[in-house]
Amino acid sequence: MKNILIYGASGHSKMIVDIFHKKKDYNISGYIDCFKSINEKIYGYAVLGNLSHLTDIILKHNIEGIIIGIGDNYTRQQAYLNISKIAPDLPFISAVHPTATIASDVEISRGTVVMAHAVVNADAKVGEFCILNTKSSLGHDSIMEDFSSLASGVITGGNVHIGYCSAICLRACLAQNISIGNYTVIGAASLVLKPVGDFKLAFGIPINRVKERAKDSKYLG
């Protein structure tokens, strides 16, 4: 089995570790994390260093792949850029939980994580470095652009378009044919019946409040 690293020793990373334990397709060598101490143990694996140590860690542990264990879309995007500068030849891998249901014509791109009981329906397109969290569902003919995410329990109808680096938070529901812009966040439990543009924070049942947000604004859900 190939030796891999997980970037970010977080709760999201623990879920990725569980996927690899169940599938047994990679050997986890440890974590890269810029905010935790070297040798600190997280969910059974040690923090091997931070980004400044990445080149040495790759050589020492014969690393052949890496996955980013960060739930925040913008932070995950920045991590990808930083890793790519330091180790441009290191492949990014994906993780798909064995209980996920993926239509036969759907390909899961590099860096993307699909959690337990998530569903991706026929002719949907899932970009790179996306997250489909526990029991989320992406409707037929829908598109998730790179670095976008569906939180746990999200449901989308068919022909939905979710923009670059956008996040659909816990248990939100998107009707069919809805378009969500880039760097937009849909609040938890919201009902989306109309399109939402770029750089928005939108929430309500149905959506009744829309605010502006920056691409690096933090969000929950």
N, C-alpha and C. Protein backbone atom coordinates (compact mmCIF):
# COMPACT_ATOMS: atom_id res chain seq x y z
N MET A 1 0.83 -1.20 0.00
CA MET A 1 0.00 0.00 0.00
C MET A 1 0.87 1.25 0.00
N LYS A 2 0.36 2.29 -0.65
CA LYS A 2 1.09 3.55 -0.70
C LYS A 2 1.02 4.28 0.64
N ASN A 3 2.13 4.90 1.00
CA ASN A 3 2.17 5.72 2.20
C ASN A 3 1.62 7.11 1.89
N ILE A 4 0.73 7.60 2.75
CA ILE A 4 0.12 8.91 2.51
C ILE A 4 0.18 9.78 3.76
N LEU A 5 0.00 11.08 3.56
CA LEU A 5 -0.12 12.05 4.63
C LEU A 5 -1.52 12.65 4.61
N ILE A 6 -1.96 13.09 5.78
CA ILE A 6 -3.18 13.88 5.89
C ILE A 6 -2.77 15.27 6.33
N TYR A 7 -3.16 16.28 5.57
CA TYR A 7 -2.86 17.66 5.94
C TYR A 7 -3.99 18.20 6.80
N GLY A 8 -3.66 18.56 8.05
CA GLY A 8 -4.66 19.07 8.98
C GLY A 8 -5.13 17.98 9.92
N ALA A 9 -4.79 18.09 11.20
CA ALA A 9 -5.18 17.10 12.19
C ALA A 9 -6.43 17.60 12.92
N SER A 10 -7.57 17.47 12.24
CA SER A 10 -8.83 18.05 12.72
C SER A 10 -9.89 16.97 12.87
N GLY A 11 -11.09 17.40 13.30
CA GLY A 11 -12.20 16.46 13.35
C GLY A 11 -12.54 15.90 11.98
N HIS A 12 -12.46 16.74 10.96
CA HIS A 12 -12.69 16.28 9.59
C HIS A 12 -11.66 15.21 9.21
N SER A 13 -10.42 15.40 9.64
CA SER A 13 -9.38 14.42 9.35
C SER A 13 -9.68 13.07 10.00
N LYS A 14 -10.25 13.09 11.20
CA LYS A 14 -10.60 11.84 11.86
C LYS A 14 -11.58 11.03 11.02
N MET A 15 -12.51 11.72 10.37
CA MET A 15 -13.48 11.02 9.52
C MET A 15 -12.79 10.43 8.28
N ILE A 16 -11.78 11.15 7.78
CA ILE A 16 -11.01 10.62 6.65
C ILE A 16 -10.22 9.39 7.07
N VAL A 17 -9.61 9.46 8.26
CA VAL A 17 -8.90 8.29 8.79
C VAL A 17 -9.83 7.08 8.85
N ASP A 18 -11.05 7.29 9.31
CA ASP A 18 -12.00 6.18 9.41
C ASP A 18 -12.30 5.58 8.04
N ILE A 19 -12.40 6.42 7.02
CA ILE A 19 -12.61 5.91 5.66
C ILE A 19 -11.46 4.99 5.25
N PHE A 20 -10.23 5.45 5.47
CA PHE A 20 -9.07 4.65 5.06
C PHE A 20 -8.96 3.36 5.88
N HIS A 21 -9.34 3.41 7.16
CA HIS A 21 -9.35 2.19 7.96
C HIS A 21 -10.32 1.17 7.38
N LYS A 22 -11.47 1.65 6.94
CA LYS A 22 -12.48 0.73 6.41
C LYS A 22 -12.09 0.18 5.04
N LYS A 23 -11.48 1.01 4.20
CA LYS A 23 -11.17 0.58 2.84
C LYS A 23 -9.82 -0.11 2.72
N LYS A 24 -8.90 0.20 3.64
CA LYS A 24 -7.59 -0.46 3.67
C LYS A 24 -6.84 -0.32 2.34
N ASP A 25 -6.94 0.86 1.71
CA ASP A 25 -6.26 1.04 0.42
C ASP A 25 -5.03 1.93 0.51
N TYR A 26 -4.79 2.55 1.68
CA TYR A 26 -3.60 3.36 1.87
C TYR A 26 -3.05 3.14 3.28
N ASN A 27 -1.76 3.37 3.42
CA ASN A 27 -1.12 3.35 4.72
C ASN A 27 -0.90 4.79 5.20
N ILE A 28 -1.55 5.16 6.29
CA ILE A 28 -1.43 6.53 6.81
C ILE A 28 -0.14 6.64 7.59
N SER A 29 0.76 7.53 7.12
CA SER A 29 2.03 7.72 7.82
C SER A 29 1.90 8.73 8.95
N GLY A 30 0.98 9.66 8.85
CA GLY A 30 0.78 10.67 9.88
C GLY A 30 0.21 11.94 9.29
N TYR A 31 0.26 13.01 10.10
CA TYR A 31 -0.32 14.29 9.72
C TYR A 31 0.76 15.34 9.46
N ILE A 32 0.39 16.30 8.62
CA ILE A 32 1.07 17.59 8.55
C ILE A 32 0.11 18.61 9.16
N ASP A 33 0.59 19.39 10.12
CA ASP A 33 -0.28 20.37 10.75
C ASP A 33 0.57 21.54 11.24
N CYS A 34 0.11 22.73 10.93
CA CYS A 34 0.88 23.94 11.27
C CYS A 34 0.53 24.50 12.64
N PHE A 35 -0.42 23.91 13.35
CA PHE A 35 -0.87 24.45 14.63
C PHE A 35 -0.75 23.46 15.78
N LYS A 36 -0.27 22.25 15.52
CA LYS A 36 -0.11 21.25 16.58
C LYS A 36 1.36 20.86 16.71
N SER A 37 1.68 20.34 17.88
CA SER A 37 3.08 19.99 18.19
C SER A 37 3.50 18.72 17.46
N ILE A 38 4.75 18.68 17.05
CA ILE A 38 5.31 17.48 16.43
C ILE A 38 5.23 16.32 17.43
N ASN A 39 4.83 15.17 16.93
CA ASN A 39 4.65 13.92 17.69
C ASN A 39 3.34 13.88 18.48
N GLU A 40 2.56 14.95 18.48
CA GLU A 40 1.24 14.89 19.11
C GLU A 40 0.39 13.85 18.39
N LYS A 41 -0.30 13.01 19.14
CA LYS A 41 -1.11 11.94 18.57
C LYS A 41 -2.56 12.41 18.40
N ILE A 42 -3.09 12.22 17.21
CA ILE A 42 -4.47 12.53 16.89
C ILE A 42 -5.11 11.30 16.26
N TYR A 43 -6.07 10.72 16.95
CA TYR A 43 -6.82 9.56 16.43
C TYR A 43 -5.89 8.44 15.97
N GLY A 44 -4.82 8.25 16.76
CA GLY A 44 -3.93 7.13 16.53
C GLY A 44 -2.71 7.40 15.66
N TYR A 45 -2.58 8.62 15.14
CA TYR A 45 -1.45 8.94 14.27
C TYR A 45 -0.76 10.22 14.74
N ALA A 46 0.53 10.29 14.50
CA ALA A 46 1.33 11.41 15.00
C ALA A 46 1.39 12.55 14.00
N VAL A 47 1.51 13.76 14.53
CA VAL A 47 1.84 14.92 13.70
C VAL A 47 3.34 14.85 13.40
N LEU A 48 3.67 14.75 12.13
CA LEU A 48 5.07 14.57 11.72
C LEU A 48 5.80 15.88 11.53
N GLY A 49 5.06 16.98 11.38
CA GLY A 49 5.69 18.27 11.19
C GLY A 49 4.71 19.24 10.55
N ASN A 50 5.21 20.39 10.14
CA ASN A 50 4.38 21.38 9.45
C ASN A 50 4.83 21.50 7.99
N LEU A 51 4.31 22.48 7.29
CA LEU A 51 4.63 22.59 5.87
C LEU A 51 6.12 22.75 5.59
N SER A 52 6.82 23.41 6.49
CA SER A 52 8.26 23.61 6.27
C SER A 52 9.04 22.30 6.31
N HIS A 53 8.43 21.25 6.90
CA HIS A 53 9.08 19.94 6.98
C HIS A 53 8.63 18.99 5.86
N LEU A 54 7.71 19.43 4.99
CA LEU A 54 7.07 18.51 4.06
C LEU A 54 8.05 17.77 3.17
N THR A 55 9.00 18.47 2.59
CA THR A 55 9.95 17.82 1.67
C THR A 55 10.72 16.72 2.38
N ASP A 56 11.19 16.99 3.59
CA ASP A 56 11.94 15.98 4.34
C ASP A 56 11.06 14.80 4.73
N ILE A 57 9.81 15.07 5.10
CA ILE A 57 8.88 14.00 5.48
C ILE A 57 8.60 13.09 4.29
N ILE A 58 8.42 13.67 3.11
CA ILE A 58 8.17 12.87 1.90
C ILE A 58 9.30 11.88 1.68
N LEU A 59 10.53 12.35 1.82
CA LEU A 59 11.69 11.49 1.59
C LEU A 59 11.83 10.44 2.70
N LYS A 60 11.70 10.87 3.94
CA LYS A 60 11.92 9.97 5.08
C LYS A 60 10.89 8.85 5.13
N HIS A 61 9.64 9.16 4.81
CA HIS A 61 8.56 8.17 4.95
C HIS A 61 8.09 7.60 3.61
N ASN A 62 8.80 7.91 2.54
CA ASN A 62 8.43 7.41 1.21
C ASN A 62 6.96 7.71 0.90
N ILE A 63 6.60 8.98 1.04
CA ILE A 63 5.21 9.40 0.86
C ILE A 63 4.86 9.45 -0.63
N GLU A 64 3.70 8.86 -0.97
CA GLU A 64 3.26 8.80 -2.36
C GLU A 64 1.92 9.49 -2.60
N GLY A 65 1.37 10.13 -1.59
CA GLY A 65 0.10 10.82 -1.77
C GLY A 65 -0.24 11.64 -0.55
N ILE A 66 -1.17 12.58 -0.72
CA ILE A 66 -1.62 13.42 0.39
C ILE A 66 -3.08 13.78 0.18
N ILE A 67 -3.80 13.97 1.29
CA ILE A 67 -5.18 14.41 1.24
C ILE A 67 -5.34 15.53 2.27
N ILE A 68 -6.17 16.51 1.94
CA ILE A 68 -6.34 17.68 2.81
C ILE A 68 -7.57 17.45 3.69
N GLY A 69 -7.34 17.40 5.01
CA GLY A 69 -8.41 17.15 5.96
C GLY A 69 -8.89 18.44 6.60
N ILE A 70 -9.35 19.38 5.81
CA ILE A 70 -9.83 20.68 6.29
C ILE A 70 -11.22 20.91 5.74
N GLY A 71 -12.17 21.20 6.63
CA GLY A 71 -13.56 21.37 6.20
C GLY A 71 -13.87 22.71 5.57
N ASP A 72 -13.20 23.78 6.00
CA ASP A 72 -13.45 25.11 5.46
C ASP A 72 -12.93 25.19 4.02
N ASN A 73 -13.79 25.59 3.10
CA ASN A 73 -13.44 25.54 1.68
C ASN A 73 -12.27 26.44 1.31
N TYR A 74 -12.30 27.68 1.75
CA TYR A 74 -11.23 28.61 1.40
C TYR A 74 -9.90 28.17 2.01
N THR A 75 -9.93 27.72 3.25
CA THR A 75 -8.70 27.25 3.90
C THR A 75 -8.15 26.03 3.19
N ARG A 76 -9.04 25.14 2.74
CA ARG A 76 -8.61 23.96 1.98
C ARG A 76 -7.98 24.37 0.65
N GLN A 77 -8.55 25.37 0.00
CA GLN A 77 -7.98 25.88 -1.25
C GLN A 77 -6.58 26.43 -1.02
N GLN A 78 -6.40 27.21 0.04
CA GLN A 78 -5.08 27.77 0.34
C GLN A 78 -4.07 26.68 0.68
N ALA A 79 -4.52 25.65 1.39
CA ALA A 79 -3.64 24.53 1.70
C ALA A 79 -3.17 23.84 0.42
N TYR A 80 -4.10 23.64 -0.51
CA TYR A 80 -3.72 23.05 -1.80
C TYR A 80 -2.64 23.88 -2.50
N LEU A 81 -2.81 25.19 -2.53
CA LEU A 81 -1.82 26.05 -3.19
C LEU A 81 -0.47 25.97 -2.51
N ASN A 82 -0.47 25.96 -1.18
CA ASN A 82 0.79 25.90 -0.44
C ASN A 82 1.51 24.57 -0.63
N ILE A 83 0.76 23.47 -0.57
CA ILE A 83 1.36 22.15 -0.77
C ILE A 83 1.92 22.03 -2.18
N SER A 84 1.18 22.52 -3.16
CA SER A 84 1.59 22.42 -4.55
C SER A 84 2.89 23.18 -4.84
N LYS A 85 3.10 24.28 -4.13
CA LYS A 85 4.33 25.04 -4.31
C LYS A 85 5.54 24.27 -3.77
N ILE A 86 5.34 23.60 -2.64
CA ILE A 86 6.44 22.90 -1.98
C ILE A 86 6.71 21.55 -2.63
N ALA A 87 5.66 20.83 -2.97
CA ALA A 87 5.80 19.46 -3.52
C ALA A 87 4.90 19.30 -4.74
N PRO A 88 5.27 19.92 -5.86
CA PRO A 88 4.40 19.92 -7.04
C PRO A 88 4.14 18.53 -7.63
N ASP A 89 4.98 17.57 -7.33
CA ASP A 89 4.81 16.23 -7.90
C ASP A 89 4.09 15.27 -6.97
N LEU A 90 3.71 15.74 -5.78
CA LEU A 90 3.03 14.86 -4.83
C LEU A 90 1.55 14.76 -5.20
N PRO A 91 1.05 13.55 -5.49
CA PRO A 91 -0.35 13.41 -5.90
C PRO A 91 -1.32 13.67 -4.75
N PHE A 92 -2.45 14.31 -5.07
CA PHE A 92 -3.55 14.45 -4.12
C PHE A 92 -4.52 13.29 -4.36
N ILE A 93 -4.93 12.65 -3.29
CA ILE A 93 -5.82 11.49 -3.41
C ILE A 93 -7.22 11.85 -2.91
N SER A 94 -8.17 11.01 -3.26
CA SER A 94 -9.55 11.19 -2.80
C SER A 94 -9.87 10.11 -1.76
N ALA A 95 -11.02 10.29 -1.09
CA ALA A 95 -11.48 9.30 -0.12
C ALA A 95 -12.99 9.16 -0.24
N VAL A 96 -13.46 7.94 -0.44
CA VAL A 96 -14.89 7.67 -0.58
C VAL A 96 -15.29 6.58 0.40
N HIS A 97 -16.18 6.91 1.31
CA HIS A 97 -16.63 5.94 2.31
C HIS A 97 -17.32 4.75 1.62
N PRO A 98 -17.10 3.54 2.10
CA PRO A 98 -17.69 2.37 1.43
C PRO A 98 -19.21 2.34 1.45
N THR A 99 -19.86 3.11 2.33
CA THR A 99 -21.33 3.14 2.33
C THR A 99 -21.90 4.23 1.43
N ALA A 100 -21.05 5.06 0.83
CA ALA A 100 -21.54 6.08 -0.11
C ALA A 100 -22.09 5.42 -1.36
N THR A 101 -23.08 6.07 -1.97
CA THR A 101 -23.68 5.56 -3.20
C THR A 101 -23.35 6.54 -4.33
N ILE A 102 -22.55 6.08 -5.26
CA ILE A 102 -22.08 6.92 -6.37
C ILE A 102 -22.60 6.32 -7.68
N ALA A 103 -23.31 7.12 -8.46
CA ALA A 103 -23.83 6.62 -9.75
C ALA A 103 -22.67 6.12 -10.62
N SER A 104 -22.97 5.15 -11.44
CA SER A 104 -21.92 4.47 -12.20
C SER A 104 -21.22 5.37 -13.21
N ASP A 105 -21.85 6.46 -13.60
CA ASP A 105 -21.23 7.35 -14.58
C ASP A 105 -20.53 8.55 -13.93
N VAL A 106 -20.43 8.56 -12.62
CA VAL A 106 -19.83 9.68 -11.88
C VAL A 106 -18.40 9.35 -11.50
N GLU A 107 -17.49 10.29 -11.74
CA GLU A 107 -16.10 10.15 -11.33
C GLU A 107 -15.84 11.09 -10.15
N ILE A 108 -15.13 10.58 -9.16
CA ILE A 108 -14.75 11.38 -8.01
C ILE A 108 -13.32 11.89 -8.25
N SER A 109 -13.18 13.21 -8.28
CA SER A 109 -11.91 13.83 -8.65
C SER A 109 -10.92 13.84 -7.49
N ARG A 110 -9.69 14.19 -7.81
CA ARG A 110 -8.62 14.21 -6.80
C ARG A 110 -8.96 15.20 -5.67
N GLY A 111 -8.59 14.80 -4.48
CA GLY A 111 -8.78 15.66 -3.32
C GLY A 111 -10.17 15.67 -2.73
N THR A 112 -11.13 15.05 -3.39
CA THR A 112 -12.52 15.08 -2.93
C THR A 112 -12.77 14.00 -1.88
N VAL A 113 -13.60 14.32 -0.91
CA VAL A 113 -13.95 13.39 0.17
C VAL A 113 -15.46 13.18 0.17
N VAL A 114 -15.88 11.93 0.15
CA VAL A 114 -17.29 11.56 0.19
C VAL A 114 -17.51 10.71 1.44
N MET A 115 -18.32 11.23 2.35
CA MET A 115 -18.49 10.60 3.66
C MET A 115 -19.60 9.54 3.66
N ALA A 116 -19.81 8.97 4.83
CA ALA A 116 -20.73 7.84 4.99
C ALA A 116 -22.16 8.18 4.53
N HIS A 117 -22.72 7.29 3.74
CA HIS A 117 -24.12 7.34 3.27
C HIS A 117 -24.43 8.57 2.41
N ALA A 118 -23.40 9.24 1.90
CA ALA A 118 -23.65 10.30 0.92
C ALA A 118 -24.08 9.66 -0.40
N VAL A 119 -24.83 10.45 -1.20
CA VAL A 119 -25.34 9.95 -2.48
C VAL A 119 -24.99 10.95 -3.57
N VAL A 120 -24.45 10.45 -4.68
CA VAL A 120 -24.23 11.26 -5.87
C VAL A 120 -24.99 10.60 -7.00
N ASN A 121 -25.99 11.30 -7.53
CA ASN A 121 -26.90 10.69 -8.49
C ASN A 121 -26.43 10.82 -9.94
N ALA A 122 -27.18 10.21 -10.84
CA ALA A 122 -26.77 10.03 -12.23
C ALA A 122 -26.41 11.33 -12.92
N ASP A 123 -25.31 11.28 -13.67
CA ASP A 123 -24.84 12.37 -14.52
C ASP A 123 -24.50 13.64 -13.74
N ALA A 124 -24.24 13.49 -12.45
CA ALA A 124 -23.76 14.63 -11.66
C ALA A 124 -22.25 14.79 -11.88
N LYS A 125 -21.75 15.98 -11.65
CA LYS A 125 -20.32 16.28 -11.80
C LYS A 125 -19.81 16.85 -10.48
N VAL A 126 -18.80 16.20 -9.94
CA VAL A 126 -18.20 16.62 -8.68
C VAL A 126 -16.76 17.06 -8.97
N GLY A 127 -16.44 18.29 -8.62
CA GLY A 127 -15.13 18.84 -8.92
C GLY A 127 -14.03 18.33 -8.00
N GLU A 128 -12.88 18.98 -8.09
CA GLU A 128 -11.73 18.62 -7.28
C GLU A 128 -11.85 19.26 -5.89
N PHE A 129 -11.34 18.53 -4.90
CA PHE A 129 -11.24 19.05 -3.52
C PHE A 129 -12.60 19.45 -2.94
N CYS A 130 -13.63 18.71 -3.32
CA CYS A 130 -14.97 18.92 -2.76
C CYS A 130 -15.17 18.05 -1.53
N ILE A 131 -16.22 18.36 -0.77
CA ILE A 131 -16.63 17.53 0.35
C ILE A 131 -18.12 17.25 0.23
N LEU A 132 -18.49 15.98 0.31
CA LEU A 132 -19.89 15.59 0.45
C LEU A 132 -19.98 14.87 1.79
N ASN A 133 -20.54 15.55 2.77
CA ASN A 133 -20.50 15.03 4.12
C ASN A 133 -21.61 14.01 4.37
N THR A 134 -21.67 13.51 5.59
CA THR A 134 -22.53 12.39 5.97
C THR A 134 -23.99 12.61 5.55
N LYS A 135 -24.52 11.65 4.82
CA LYS A 135 -25.92 11.62 4.38
C LYS A 135 -26.31 12.84 3.53
N SER A 136 -25.36 13.47 2.88
CA SER A 136 -25.72 14.50 1.91
C SER A 136 -26.08 13.84 0.58
N SER A 137 -26.84 14.57 -0.24
CA SER A 137 -27.31 14.01 -1.50
C SER A 137 -27.21 15.06 -2.60
N LEU A 138 -26.51 14.71 -3.67
CA LEU A 138 -26.37 15.59 -4.85
C LEU A 138 -27.25 15.04 -5.95
N GLY A 139 -28.20 15.87 -6.42
CA GLY A 139 -29.19 15.42 -7.39
C GLY A 139 -28.62 15.13 -8.77
N HIS A 140 -29.40 14.45 -9.57
CA HIS A 140 -29.00 14.10 -10.94
C HIS A 140 -28.68 15.36 -11.75
N ASP A 141 -27.71 15.25 -12.62
CA ASP A 141 -27.31 16.33 -13.54
C ASP A 141 -26.83 17.60 -12.82
N SER A 142 -26.50 17.48 -11.55
CA SER A 142 -26.02 18.62 -10.79
C SER A 142 -24.51 18.76 -10.91
N ILE A 143 -24.01 19.94 -10.56
CA ILE A 143 -22.58 20.23 -10.66
C ILE A 143 -22.10 20.86 -9.36
N MET A 144 -21.01 20.32 -8.83
CA MET A 144 -20.29 20.95 -7.73
C MET A 144 -18.95 21.42 -8.28
N GLU A 145 -18.71 22.72 -8.25
CA GLU A 145 -17.43 23.23 -8.71
C GLU A 145 -16.34 22.93 -7.67
N ASP A 146 -15.07 23.09 -8.06
CA ASP A 146 -13.94 22.78 -7.20
C ASP A 146 -14.05 23.50 -5.85
N PHE A 147 -13.61 22.81 -4.80
CA PHE A 147 -13.53 23.34 -3.44
C PHE A 147 -14.90 23.69 -2.84
N SER A 148 -15.98 23.19 -3.41
CA SER A 148 -17.30 23.39 -2.82
C SER A 148 -17.62 22.26 -1.85
N SER A 149 -18.70 22.43 -1.07
CA SER A 149 -19.00 21.41 -0.06
C SER A 149 -20.49 21.33 0.24
N LEU A 150 -20.93 20.11 0.56
CA LEU A 150 -22.26 19.84 1.10
C LEU A 150 -22.06 19.32 2.51
N ALA A 151 -22.64 19.99 3.50
CA ALA A 151 -22.55 19.53 4.88
C ALA A 151 -23.50 18.35 5.11
N SER A 152 -23.43 17.78 6.29
CA SER A 152 -24.25 16.62 6.62
C SER A 152 -25.74 16.92 6.43
N GLY A 153 -26.43 15.99 5.78
CA GLY A 153 -27.88 16.09 5.64
C GLY A 153 -28.38 17.00 4.55
N VAL A 154 -27.48 17.62 3.77
CA VAL A 154 -27.92 18.49 2.67
C VAL A 154 -28.60 17.66 1.59
N ILE A 155 -29.67 18.23 1.03
CA ILE A 155 -30.38 17.59 -0.09
C ILE A 155 -30.49 18.59 -1.23
N THR A 156 -30.12 18.17 -2.42
CA THR A 156 -30.33 19.01 -3.59
C THR A 156 -31.21 18.29 -4.60
N GLY A 157 -32.03 19.07 -5.29
CA GLY A 157 -32.78 18.52 -6.42
C GLY A 157 -31.87 18.33 -7.62
N GLY A 158 -32.46 17.96 -8.73
CA GLY A 158 -31.69 17.79 -9.95
C GLY A 158 -31.31 19.11 -10.60
N ASN A 159 -30.26 19.07 -11.43
CA ASN A 159 -29.82 20.24 -12.21
C ASN A 159 -29.46 21.45 -11.32
N VAL A 160 -28.86 21.17 -10.19
CA VAL A 160 -28.39 22.22 -9.29
C VAL A 160 -26.93 22.51 -9.60
N HIS A 161 -26.55 23.78 -9.56
CA HIS A 161 -25.16 24.19 -9.81
C HIS A 161 -24.64 24.90 -8.57
N ILE A 162 -23.59 24.34 -7.97
CA ILE A 162 -22.98 24.92 -6.77
C ILE A 162 -21.62 25.48 -7.16
N GLY A 163 -21.43 26.77 -6.94
CA GLY A 163 -20.27 27.47 -7.45
C GLY A 163 -18.97 27.16 -6.71
N TYR A 164 -17.90 27.68 -7.27
CA TYR A 164 -16.54 27.48 -6.78
C TYR A 164 -16.43 27.94 -5.33
N CYS A 165 -15.92 27.05 -4.48
CA CYS A 165 -15.60 27.39 -3.08
C CYS A 165 -16.84 27.77 -2.27
N SER A 166 -18.00 27.29 -2.68
CA SER A 166 -19.24 27.59 -1.96
C SER A 166 -19.61 26.45 -1.02
N ALA A 167 -20.31 26.79 0.06
CA ALA A 167 -20.64 25.82 1.10
C ALA A 167 -22.14 25.80 1.34
N ILE A 168 -22.71 24.60 1.33
CA ILE A 168 -24.11 24.41 1.67
C ILE A 168 -24.13 23.76 3.05
N CYS A 169 -24.66 24.47 4.05
CA CYS A 169 -24.50 24.05 5.44
C CYS A 169 -25.57 23.04 5.87
N LEU A 170 -25.45 22.58 7.09
CA LEU A 170 -26.20 21.45 7.63
C LEU A 170 -27.69 21.46 7.27
N ARG A 171 -28.12 20.37 6.66
CA ARG A 171 -29.53 20.08 6.39
C ARG A 171 -30.24 21.14 5.54
N ALA A 172 -29.48 21.93 4.82
CA ALA A 172 -30.12 22.83 3.86
C ALA A 172 -30.73 22.01 2.72
N CYS A 173 -31.74 22.59 2.09
CA CYS A 173 -32.43 21.91 0.99
C CYS A 173 -32.51 22.84 -0.21
N LEU A 174 -32.02 22.38 -1.37
CA LEU A 174 -32.02 23.17 -2.59
C LEU A 174 -32.99 22.54 -3.58
N ALA A 175 -33.96 23.33 -4.03
CA ALA A 175 -34.89 22.84 -5.04
C ALA A 175 -34.18 22.60 -6.36
N GLN A 176 -34.85 21.92 -7.28
CA GLN A 176 -34.26 21.62 -8.58
C GLN A 176 -34.00 22.91 -9.36
N ASN A 177 -32.99 22.83 -10.23
CA ASN A 177 -32.64 23.93 -11.16
C ASN A 177 -32.13 25.19 -10.47
N ILE A 178 -31.63 25.06 -9.26
CA ILE A 178 -31.11 26.20 -8.51
C ILE A 178 -29.63 26.39 -8.80
N SER A 179 -29.20 27.65 -8.92
CA SER A 179 -27.79 27.98 -9.10
C SER A 179 -27.29 28.76 -7.89
N ILE A 180 -26.17 28.31 -7.34
CA ILE A 180 -25.51 28.99 -6.22
C ILE A 180 -24.18 29.54 -6.74
N GLY A 181 -23.91 30.81 -6.47
CA GLY A 181 -22.71 31.46 -7.00
C GLY A 181 -21.42 30.99 -6.36
N ASN A 182 -20.34 31.69 -6.68
CA ASN A 182 -19.01 31.37 -6.15
C ASN A 182 -18.81 32.00 -4.78
N TYR A 183 -18.07 31.31 -3.92
CA TYR A 183 -17.74 31.80 -2.57
C TYR A 183 -18.99 32.18 -1.77
N THR A 184 -20.05 31.45 -1.96
CA THR A 184 -21.31 31.71 -1.27
C THR A 184 -21.56 30.64 -0.23
N VAL A 185 -22.22 31.03 0.86
CA VAL A 185 -22.58 30.10 1.94
C VAL A 185 -24.09 30.12 2.12
N ILE A 186 -24.69 28.94 2.10
CA ILE A 186 -26.11 28.78 2.39
C ILE A 186 -26.23 28.26 3.82
N GLY A 187 -26.92 29.01 4.68
CA GLY A 187 -26.98 28.69 6.10
C GLY A 187 -27.69 27.39 6.41
N ALA A 188 -27.41 26.87 7.59
CA ALA A 188 -27.96 25.59 8.02
C ALA A 188 -29.49 25.60 8.00
N ALA A 189 -30.06 24.49 7.54
CA ALA A 189 -31.51 24.25 7.51
C ALA A 189 -32.27 25.19 6.59
N SER A 190 -31.57 25.93 5.73
CA SER A 190 -32.25 26.85 4.82
C SER A 190 -32.95 26.11 3.69
N LEU A 191 -33.98 26.74 3.16
CA LEU A 191 -34.70 26.22 2.00
C LEU A 191 -34.45 27.18 0.84
N VAL A 192 -33.84 26.67 -0.22
CA VAL A 192 -33.42 27.52 -1.34
C VAL A 192 -34.34 27.26 -2.53
N LEU A 193 -35.16 28.27 -2.87
CA LEU A 193 -36.12 28.15 -3.97
C LEU A 193 -35.77 29.07 -5.14
N LYS A 194 -34.77 29.97 -4.94
CA LYS A 194 -34.35 30.90 -5.98
C LYS A 194 -32.82 30.92 -6.05
N PRO A 195 -32.26 31.32 -7.19
CA PRO A 195 -30.80 31.39 -7.31
C PRO A 195 -30.20 32.38 -6.30
N VAL A 196 -28.97 32.10 -5.90
CA VAL A 196 -28.22 32.99 -5.02
C VAL A 196 -26.89 33.30 -5.71
N GLY A 197 -26.48 34.56 -5.71
CA GLY A 197 -25.30 34.99 -6.46
C GLY A 197 -23.99 34.73 -5.75
N ASP A 198 -22.93 35.39 -6.26
CA ASP A 198 -21.58 35.24 -5.73
C ASP A 198 -21.40 36.00 -4.41
N PHE A 199 -20.50 35.50 -3.58
CA PHE A 199 -20.06 36.20 -2.36
C PHE A 199 -21.24 36.57 -1.45
N LYS A 200 -22.15 35.61 -1.25
CA LYS A 200 -23.33 35.84 -0.42
C LYS A 200 -23.35 34.89 0.78
N LEU A 201 -23.95 35.34 1.86
CA LEU A 201 -24.38 34.49 2.96
C LEU A 201 -25.89 34.57 2.98
N ALA A 202 -26.55 33.45 2.71
CA ALA A 202 -28.00 33.45 2.56
C ALA A 202 -28.61 32.40 3.48
N PHE A 203 -29.74 32.77 4.13
CA PHE A 203 -30.36 31.82 5.03
C PHE A 203 -31.84 32.15 5.23
N GLY A 204 -32.58 31.15 5.69
CA GLY A 204 -34.01 31.32 5.93
C GLY A 204 -34.81 30.16 5.36
N ILE A 205 -36.08 30.06 5.79
CA ILE A 205 -36.98 28.99 5.33
C ILE A 205 -38.27 29.62 4.81
N PRO A 206 -38.37 29.92 3.50
CA PRO A 206 -37.28 29.84 2.52
C PRO A 206 -36.28 30.99 2.72
N ILE A 207 -35.23 31.04 1.90
CA ILE A 207 -34.22 32.09 2.01
C ILE A 207 -34.90 33.46 2.08
N ASN A 208 -34.61 34.21 3.16
CA ASN A 208 -35.22 35.54 3.30
C ASN A 208 -34.21 36.60 3.73
N ARG A 209 -32.97 36.17 4.00
CA ARG A 209 -31.92 37.12 4.35
C ARG A 209 -30.68 36.81 3.52
N VAL A 210 -30.12 37.82 2.90
CA VAL A 210 -28.93 37.65 2.08
C VAL A 210 -27.96 38.77 2.43
N LYS A 211 -26.75 38.38 2.83
CA LYS A 211 -25.71 39.34 3.19
C LYS A 211 -24.50 39.15 2.28
N GLU A 212 -23.67 40.17 2.22
CA GLU A 212 -22.41 40.05 1.49
C GLU A 212 -21.38 39.35 2.39
N ARG A 213 -20.44 38.63 1.76
CA ARG A 213 -19.35 38.01 2.51
C ARG A 213 -18.08 38.06 1.67
N ALA A 214 -16.94 37.99 2.34
CA ALA A 214 -15.65 37.89 1.67
C ALA A 214 -15.32 36.42 1.43
N LYS A 215 -14.43 36.17 0.49
CA LYS A 215 -14.10 34.79 0.15
C LYS A 215 -13.49 34.02 1.33
N ASP A 216 -12.85 34.73 2.26
CA ASP A 216 -12.20 34.07 3.38
C ASP A 216 -12.99 34.21 4.69
N SER A 217 -14.25 34.66 4.61
CA SER A 217 -15.08 34.76 5.82
C SER A 217 -15.34 33.36 6.39
N LYS A 218 -15.27 33.24 7.70
CA LYS A 218 -15.51 31.97 8.34
C LYS A 218 -17.01 31.66 8.38
N TYR A 219 -17.34 30.40 8.47
CA TYR A 219 -18.73 30.00 8.55
C TYR A 219 -18.83 28.73 9.40
N LEU A 220 -20.03 28.45 9.91
CA LEU A 220 -20.29 27.23 10.65
C LEU A 220 -21.35 26.43 9.93
N GLY A 221 -21.32 25.10 10.14
CA GLY A 221 -22.36 24.26 9.60
C GLY A 221 -21.95 23.46 8.41
